[in-house]
Amino acid sequence: MIEDALALAAMVAPCILDDDFEYEAAAKAIIRGAILRWDATGSGGVTTQSTAGPISETVTVGVRKGMFFPQEIVQLQKLCGRSSKGRAFEINTMPVDSDA
């Protein structure tokens, strides 16, 4: 589970694997939370919920569709200095002078 979580986190925030990554503890906290949530859902997150009296129903909760919640992805990307929102950038359209 840990290797899976690290691999998926590195897909959205590759800097977490850098040797000089500054926020290792914060990244571990985000990844740890996702792993614990993943483990808590078990094989499908089926739980029994009792209602009034002898009546009960089976409710499926926490079915895992992805390792990280969208907010966790954003948090990991922010640790790398990236955000899911657009950032300013520059494209040089000037031709390179071959005489220089």
Protein backbone atom coordinates (compact mmCIF):
# COMPACT_ATOMS: atom_id res chain seq x y z
CA MET A 1 0.00 0.00 0.00
CA ILE A 2 2.83 2.38 0.84
CA GLU A 3 4.61 1.79 -2.46
CA ASP A 4 1.35 2.24 -4.35
CA ALA A 5 0.58 5.48 -2.53
CA LEU A 6 4.07 6.88 -3.13
CA ALA A 7 3.94 5.98 -6.82
CA LEU A 8 0.54 7.63 -7.27
CA ALA A 9 1.62 10.70 -5.30
CA ALA A 10 4.75 11.02 -7.44
CA MET A 11 2.57 11.08 -10.56
CA VAL A 12 0.87 14.30 -9.45
CA ALA A 13 3.81 15.76 -7.50
CA PRO A 14 7.10 14.37 -8.83
CA CYS A 15 9.23 16.60 -6.59
CA ILE A 16 8.41 14.49 -3.53
CA LEU A 17 10.98 11.96 -4.73
CA ASP A 18 13.79 14.54 -4.98
CA ASP A 19 16.66 14.13 -2.51
CA ASP A 20 16.46 17.81 -1.54
CA PHE A 21 12.66 17.92 -1.16
CA GLU A 22 11.93 20.45 1.55
CA TYR A 23 8.49 19.32 2.79
CA GLU A 24 8.97 15.59 3.27
CA ALA A 25 7.07 15.45 6.57
CA ALA A 26 4.07 17.28 5.11
CA ALA A 27 3.97 14.98 2.08
CA LYS A 28 4.16 11.94 4.37
CA ALA A 29 1.23 13.27 6.40
CA ILE A 30 -0.94 13.67 3.28
CA ILE A 31 0.03 10.23 1.96
CA ARG A 32 -0.46 8.62 5.39
CA GLY A 33 -3.99 10.01 5.60
CA ALA A 34 -4.83 8.57 2.19
CA ILE A 35 -3.39 5.16 3.14
CA LEU A 36 -5.35 5.05 6.40
CA ARG A 37 -8.56 5.98 4.56
CA TRP A 38 -7.82 3.33 1.92
CA ASP A 39 -7.24 0.71 4.62
CA ALA A 40 -10.43 1.70 6.47
CA THR A 41 -12.56 1.04 3.39
CA GLY A 42 -11.36 -2.57 3.35
CA SER A 43 -12.51 -4.67 0.44
CA GLY A 44 -15.31 -2.32 -0.49
CA GLY A 45 -16.35 -0.43 2.55
CA VAL A 46 -19.57 -2.36 3.19
CA THR A 47 -21.01 -1.63 6.62
CA THR A 48 -24.30 -2.43 8.28
CA GLN A 49 -26.29 0.48 9.59
CA SER A 50 -29.12 -0.12 12.04
CA THR A 51 -32.23 2.00 11.82
CA ALA A 52 -35.41 1.90 13.90
CA GLY A 53 -35.91 -1.33 15.86
CA PRO A 54 -35.08 -4.65 14.25
CA ILE A 55 -34.87 -3.12 10.78
CA SER A 56 -31.38 -2.82 9.34
CA GLU A 57 -29.94 -2.04 5.98
CA THR A 58 -26.59 -2.51 4.30
CA VAL A 59 -24.99 0.71 3.19
CA THR A 60 -21.86 0.94 1.04
CA VAL A 61 -19.63 3.78 2.12
CA GLY A 62 -16.13 4.83 1.24
CA VAL A 63 -15.80 2.92 -2.01
CA ARG A 64 -12.36 3.88 -3.27
CA LYS A 65 -12.28 5.43 -6.72
CA GLY A 66 -8.80 6.89 -6.39
CA MET A 67 -6.05 7.03 -3.85
CA PHE A 68 -6.17 10.77 -3.21
CA PHE A 69 -9.02 13.21 -2.81
CA PRO A 70 -8.78 16.23 -5.14
CA GLN A 71 -7.80 18.49 -2.23
CA GLU A 72 -4.93 16.14 -1.36
CA ILE A 73 -3.66 16.28 -4.93
CA VAL A 74 -3.70 20.08 -4.76
CA GLN A 75 -1.85 19.98 -1.42
CA LEU A 76 0.85 17.69 -2.84
CA GLN A 77 1.23 19.89 -5.90
CA LYS A 78 1.54 23.00 -3.74
CA LEU A 79 4.39 21.34 -1.86
CA CYS A 80 6.16 21.14 -5.22
CA GLY A 81 5.33 24.74 -6.02
CA ARG A 82 2.71 23.69 -8.55
CA SER A 83 -0.99 24.22 -8.40
CA SER A 84 -3.88 22.75 -10.34
CA LYS A 85 -4.79 26.30 -11.33
CA GLY A 86 -3.09 28.10 -14.19
CA ARG A 87 0.15 29.92 -13.66
CA ALA A 88 1.88 32.62 -15.63
CA PHE A 89 4.37 31.45 -18.22
CA GLU A 90 6.37 32.79 -21.11
CA ILE A 91 6.91 31.53 -24.64
CA ASN A 92 9.70 33.05 -26.70
CA THR A 93 8.52 33.39 -30.29
CA MET A 94 11.57 35.27 -31.54
CA PRO A 95 13.71 33.33 -34.00
CA VAL A 96 17.20 32.41 -32.93
CA ASP A 97 19.79 34.57 -34.72
CA SER A 98 22.16 32.17 -36.49
CA ASP A 99 24.74 34.95 -37.11
CA ALA A 100 25.35 35.69 -33.45
